[in-house]
Amino acid sequence: LVCREIIELFRDDFIRALQQSFLWPTEACALLVGPSCGTFDIYAPWNITLPKVPKPPVTPPSPPKPGSPQSRVLFLTDIHWDKEYQAGSAADCKEPLCCRNSSGFPRKRPSLAGHWGTYSNCDLPFHTVESLLENAARAGPWDWVYWTGDIPAHNVWSQTRNQQLTELTVISKLVRKHLGPNVTVYPAVGNHESTPVNIFPPPFVHGNRSSAWLYDKMAEEWASWLPEQAQKTLRYGGFYTAAIQPGLRVVSLNMNFCARENFWLMVNSTDPANQLQ
């Protein structure tokens, strides 16, 4: 069942990318699988135009002086909230993701899903995510927050766009609720935000196959944290840069354009969104 649903979910993107690709079969295989099935030099077609700005002289770094200003930064990542997490269910099951009603309910205690989570093929229940953020808020104040994505669970064979967007909205609001309106969060796009997982078409792909459904919702949910120009490039390609404070800038790259599992790299694997420019 899992394999059949995975094939159905990935099929259209894979076929569309393959139809638009100019790679030879051995090159496409090498790009997606590795050198065991072909040869592809990903650096050969690259031509990056550098700005015509004189390179500043290299200044050796020096440690800050005692009493220098400090910042407290919170780093959140890989929340992987599972709406179907069920305490007492099987933590060891036949599917890739366990600790759910569909996993069954064994009698042996060592293999049961715990109340707060289980160190197994399981994701987190909502109350654990909320407890995490409540305690993070108590440990503050924070000057700013880095949040590097992966909100949804690992049930990648049965996800829908509406589910992904709902989870994005719920967790984004939860972060704002507990960390408060006075701290800025700088999110990044994780590979699990999309469905199919890992599939991020370049910006030149339009219509229903594009990633606009995801990027537009991100820009909407994160508008209170990001400046207007950052929201613009987020909508365009899932990346942005923003000034945190004088002398410090955050650059949030969409690393899914560098991921081998992204089939759309068969069409363009050389900075497909021009985010490095």
Protein backbone atom coordinates (compact mmCIF):
# COMPACT_ATOMS: atom_id res chain seq x y z
CA LEU A 1 0.00 0.00 0.00
CA VAL A 2 2.77 2.45 0.92
CA CYS A 3 4.72 1.77 -2.28
CA ARG A 4 1.61 2.07 -4.46
CA GLU A 5 0.62 5.40 -2.91
CA ILE A 6 4.20 6.72 -3.19
CA ILE A 7 4.26 5.88 -6.90
CA GLU A 8 0.92 7.59 -7.49
CA LEU A 9 2.00 10.67 -5.55
CA PHE A 10 5.37 11.10 -7.28
CA ARG A 11 4.38 9.96 -10.78
CA ASP A 12 3.23 13.22 -12.36
CA ASP A 13 6.21 15.29 -11.15
CA PHE A 14 8.70 12.65 -12.23
CA ILE A 15 7.19 12.28 -15.71
CA ARG A 16 6.91 16.05 -16.21
CA ALA A 17 10.54 16.63 -15.14
CA LEU A 18 11.76 13.75 -17.30
CA GLN A 19 9.91 15.15 -20.33
CA GLN A 20 11.54 18.56 -19.91
CA SER A 21 15.03 17.25 -19.17
CA PHE A 22 17.86 17.43 -21.71
CA LEU A 23 19.98 14.89 -19.84
CA TRP A 24 20.95 11.52 -21.24
CA PRO A 25 19.50 8.59 -19.26
CA THR A 26 22.89 7.80 -17.72
CA GLU A 27 23.30 11.45 -16.68
CA ALA A 28 19.83 11.58 -15.11
CA CYS A 29 20.50 8.35 -13.25
CA ALA A 30 23.84 9.63 -11.97
CA LEU A 31 22.26 12.90 -10.83
CA LEU A 32 19.41 11.22 -8.93
CA VAL A 33 21.03 7.98 -7.76
CA GLY A 34 24.78 8.58 -7.83
CA PRO A 35 27.87 7.41 -9.71
CA SER A 36 26.87 3.75 -9.47
CA CYS A 37 24.63 4.06 -12.53
CA GLY A 38 26.18 6.80 -14.65
CA THR A 39 28.31 9.93 -14.89
CA PHE A 40 27.24 13.53 -14.44
CA ASP A 41 29.49 16.47 -13.63
CA ILE A 42 27.17 18.89 -11.86
CA TYR A 43 29.83 21.64 -11.93
CA ALA A 44 30.49 21.55 -15.70
CA PRO A 45 27.61 23.84 -16.81
CA TRP A 46 27.96 26.35 -13.98
CA ASN A 47 28.68 29.97 -14.75
CA ILE A 48 28.15 32.27 -11.78
CA THR A 49 28.37 36.00 -12.43
CA LEU A 50 30.04 37.73 -9.50
CA PRO A 51 29.17 41.35 -8.71
CA LYS A 52 31.62 44.01 -9.87
CA VAL A 53 32.46 45.09 -6.35
CA PRO A 54 36.07 45.24 -5.13
CA LYS A 55 36.78 42.42 -2.72
CA PRO A 56 37.49 43.84 0.74
CA PRO A 57 40.81 42.99 2.36
CA VAL A 58 40.85 39.90 4.53
CA THR A 59 40.88 40.77 8.20
CA PRO A 60 41.99 38.00 10.56
CA PRO A 61 39.24 37.23 13.07
CA SER A 62 39.80 38.14 16.67
CA PRO A 63 37.85 36.93 19.72
CA PRO A 64 35.42 39.43 21.22
CA LYS A 65 36.66 41.47 24.13
CA PRO A 66 35.38 40.69 27.63
CA GLY A 67 32.11 42.44 28.22
CA SER A 68 31.20 42.60 24.53
CA PRO A 69 27.48 42.52 23.67
CA GLN A 70 25.96 39.04 23.49
CA SER A 71 22.83 37.68 21.84
CA ARG A 72 20.63 34.77 22.89
CA VAL A 73 19.40 32.78 19.90
CA LEU A 74 16.90 29.91 19.87
CA PHE A 75 17.27 27.23 17.18
CA LEU A 76 14.21 25.14 16.29
CA THR A 77 14.31 22.33 13.76
CA ASP A 78 12.55 19.17 12.57
CA ILE A 79 9.39 19.38 14.65
CA HIS A 80 7.64 16.67 12.60
CA TRP A 81 4.24 16.93 14.23
CA ASP A 82 2.09 13.84 13.71
CA LYS A 83 -1.62 14.60 14.11
CA GLU A 84 -2.31 10.87 14.27
CA TYR A 85 0.16 10.08 17.06
CA GLN A 86 -1.48 7.78 19.58
CA ALA A 87 0.01 6.92 22.95
CA GLY A 88 -0.14 3.19 23.61
CA SER A 89 0.01 2.24 19.94
CA ALA A 90 2.80 0.16 18.42
CA ALA A 91 6.18 1.90 18.27
CA ASP A 92 7.46 -0.90 16.05
CA CYS A 93 5.24 -1.59 13.05
CA LYS A 94 5.38 -2.64 9.40
CA GLU A 95 4.95 0.87 8.00
CA PRO A 96 7.68 3.56 7.77
CA LEU A 97 5.89 5.63 10.45
CA CYS A 98 4.55 4.09 13.66
CA CYS A 99 2.95 5.22 16.95
CA ARG A 100 -0.41 5.76 15.23
CA ASN A 101 -3.84 4.16 15.45
CA SER A 102 -3.08 2.32 12.23
CA SER A 103 0.03 0.83 13.87
CA GLY A 104 -2.03 -1.39 16.16
CA PHE A 105 -1.96 -1.75 19.95
CA PRO A 106 0.46 -4.42 21.23
CA ARG A 107 0.41 -5.81 24.74
CA LYS A 108 4.15 -5.66 25.36
CA ARG A 109 5.05 -2.43 27.14
CA PRO A 110 8.57 -1.90 25.68
CA SER A 111 7.08 -1.48 22.22
CA LEU A 112 4.30 0.96 23.17
CA ALA A 113 4.23 4.61 22.11
CA GLY A 114 4.81 6.89 25.09
CA HIS A 115 2.80 9.94 26.13
CA TRP A 116 5.44 12.50 25.10
CA GLY A 117 6.92 10.56 22.20
CA THR A 118 8.97 7.46 21.51
CA TYR A 119 12.52 6.99 20.28
CA SER A 120 11.56 4.84 17.31
CA ASN A 121 10.05 5.31 13.85
CA CYS A 122 7.64 7.86 15.32
CA ASP A 123 7.04 11.60 15.22
CA LEU A 124 5.78 14.00 17.89
CA PRO A 125 2.30 14.48 19.35
CA PHE A 126 0.94 18.02 19.49
CA HIS A 127 1.20 18.36 23.26
CA THR A 128 4.93 17.63 23.08
CA VAL A 129 5.44 20.36 20.50
CA GLU A 130 3.47 22.81 22.63
CA SER A 131 5.38 21.84 25.77
CA LEU A 132 8.64 22.40 23.90
CA LEU A 133 7.61 25.92 22.92
CA GLU A 134 6.24 26.72 26.39
CA ASN A 135 9.56 25.77 27.98
CA ALA A 136 11.54 27.55 25.29
CA ALA A 137 9.59 30.72 26.08
CA ARG A 138 10.34 30.34 29.80
CA ALA A 139 14.03 29.97 29.00
CA GLY A 140 13.99 33.31 27.17
CA PRO A 141 14.11 36.10 26.42
CA TRP A 142 15.47 35.41 22.94
CA ASP A 143 16.90 38.05 20.65
CA TRP A 144 15.82 36.10 17.58
CA VAL A 145 14.99 32.56 16.48
CA TYR A 146 16.21 30.30 13.67
CA TRP A 147 13.65 27.74 12.54
CA THR A 148 14.91 25.33 9.90
CA GLY A 149 11.71 23.65 8.87
CA ASP A 150 10.33 20.12 8.56
CA ILE A 151 6.96 20.66 10.21
CA PRO A 152 4.92 17.69 8.89
CA ALA A 153 5.20 14.05 9.88
CA HIS A 154 6.94 11.31 7.89
CA ASN A 155 3.78 9.84 6.37
CA VAL A 156 5.05 10.96 2.98
CA TRP A 157 2.96 8.42 1.05
CA SER A 158 -0.39 9.84 2.17
CA GLN A 159 0.08 13.61 2.43
CA THR A 160 -1.99 16.23 0.64
CA ARG A 161 -1.37 19.91 -0.02
CA ASN A 162 -4.22 20.93 2.26
CA GLN A 163 -2.76 18.87 5.10
CA GLN A 164 0.68 20.41 4.62
CA LEU A 165 -0.72 23.94 4.64
CA THR A 166 -2.86 23.28 7.70
CA GLU A 167 0.13 21.99 9.65
CA LEU A 168 2.24 24.95 8.51
CA THR A 169 -0.46 27.34 9.77
CA VAL A 170 -1.04 25.57 13.08
CA ILE A 171 2.64 25.34 14.05
CA SER A 172 3.46 28.87 12.85
CA LYS A 173 0.66 30.25 15.02
CA LEU A 174 1.85 28.12 17.92
CA VAL A 175 5.36 29.57 17.61
CA ARG A 176 3.95 33.11 17.61
CA LYS A 177 1.68 32.33 20.55
CA HIS A 178 4.41 31.06 22.86
CA LEU A 179 7.45 33.09 21.78
CA GLY A 180 5.45 36.29 21.60
CA PRO A 181 5.16 39.19 19.15
CA ASN A 182 8.45 40.84 20.10
CA VAL A 183 10.84 38.15 18.88
CA THR A 184 11.60 37.69 15.19
CA VAL A 185 11.71 34.17 13.78
CA TYR A 186 13.76 33.43 10.65
CA PRO A 187 12.37 30.24 9.09
CA ALA A 188 13.81 28.06 6.35
CA VAL A 189 12.03 25.73 3.94
CA GLY A 190 12.49 22.08 4.90
CA ASN A 191 12.28 19.17 2.46
CA HIS A 192 9.17 17.82 4.22
CA GLU A 193 7.14 21.00 3.74
CA SER A 194 6.19 19.99 0.21
CA THR A 195 4.20 17.07 -1.06
CA PRO A 196 5.49 15.01 -2.72
CA VAL A 197 8.34 15.19 -0.23
CA ASN A 198 11.62 16.63 -1.62
CA ILE A 199 9.88 17.83 -4.80
CA PHE A 200 10.45 21.55 -5.42
CA PRO A 201 9.98 22.69 -9.02
CA PRO A 202 12.11 25.67 -10.13
CA PRO A 203 10.35 29.04 -10.46
CA PHE A 204 10.01 28.67 -14.24
CA VAL A 205 7.46 25.89 -13.65
CA HIS A 206 4.01 27.47 -13.48
CA GLY A 207 0.46 26.28 -12.94
CA ASN A 208 -0.61 23.43 -10.71
CA ARG A 209 2.84 21.81 -10.74
CA SER A 210 4.57 24.87 -9.28
CA SER A 211 5.41 25.42 -5.61
CA ALA A 212 3.37 28.63 -5.41
CA TRP A 213 0.75 26.88 -3.27
CA LEU A 214 3.41 26.40 -0.57
CA TYR A 215 5.53 29.55 -0.87
CA ASP A 216 2.50 31.87 -0.89
CA LYS A 217 1.20 30.35 2.34
CA MET A 218 4.63 30.61 3.95
CA ALA A 219 4.88 34.28 3.05
CA GLU A 220 1.41 34.83 4.50
CA GLU A 221 2.12 33.02 7.77
CA TRP A 222 5.57 34.54 8.24
CA ALA A 223 4.74 38.10 7.17
CA SER A 224 5.06 39.44 10.72
CA TRP A 225 8.66 38.19 10.88
CA LEU A 226 10.07 38.98 7.44
CA PRO A 227 10.53 42.29 5.59
CA GLU A 228 8.67 42.85 2.34
CA GLN A 229 11.64 42.09 0.07
CA ALA A 230 12.26 38.81 1.89
CA GLN A 231 8.61 37.84 1.41
CA LYS A 232 8.96 38.57 -2.30
CA THR A 233 11.84 36.14 -2.87
CA LEU A 234 10.20 33.63 -0.52
CA ARG A 235 7.16 33.61 -2.81
CA TYR A 236 9.42 33.34 -5.85
CA GLY A 237 11.72 30.50 -4.82
CA GLY A 238 11.52 29.74 -1.10
CA PHE A 239 14.62 31.74 -0.13
CA TYR A 240 15.38 35.17 1.31
CA THR A 241 17.87 37.33 3.14
CA ALA A 242 17.21 39.83 5.91
CA ALA A 243 19.22 42.14 8.14
CA ILE A 244 19.05 40.99 11.76
CA GLN A 245 21.00 43.90 13.20
CA PRO A 246 23.78 46.22 11.99
CA GLY A 247 26.62 44.06 10.72
CA LEU A 248 24.65 40.80 10.78
CA ARG A 249 22.49 39.37 8.00
CA VAL A 250 20.71 36.03 7.75
CA VAL A 251 20.63 34.17 4.43
CA SER A 252 17.96 31.48 4.21
CA LEU A 253 18.65 29.30 1.17
CA ASN A 254 16.21 26.82 -0.29
CA MET A 255 18.51 23.82 -0.07
CA ASN A 256 15.93 21.62 -1.78
CA PHE A 257 17.36 22.92 -5.05
CA CYS A 258 20.54 21.08 -4.04
CA ALA A 259 18.89 17.81 -2.98
CA ARG A 260 19.44 14.72 -5.11
CA GLU A 261 15.91 13.54 -4.31
CA ASN A 262 14.39 16.54 -6.12
CA PHE A 263 13.49 15.16 -9.57
CA TRP A 264 13.29 18.67 -11.03
CA LEU A 265 17.09 18.91 -10.94
CA MET A 266 16.97 16.86 -14.15
CA VAL A 267 15.68 20.01 -15.85
CA ASN A 268 18.12 22.46 -14.25
CA SER A 269 20.59 21.60 -11.51
CA THR A 270 22.67 24.78 -11.69
CA ASP A 271 21.08 27.18 -9.21
CA PRO A 272 17.58 26.82 -10.72
CA ALA A 273 16.12 29.74 -8.75
CA ASN A 274 19.17 32.02 -9.11
CA GLN A 275 19.27 32.31 -5.33
CA LEU A 276 23.08 32.32 -5.28
CA GLN A 277 23.15 35.45 -7.42
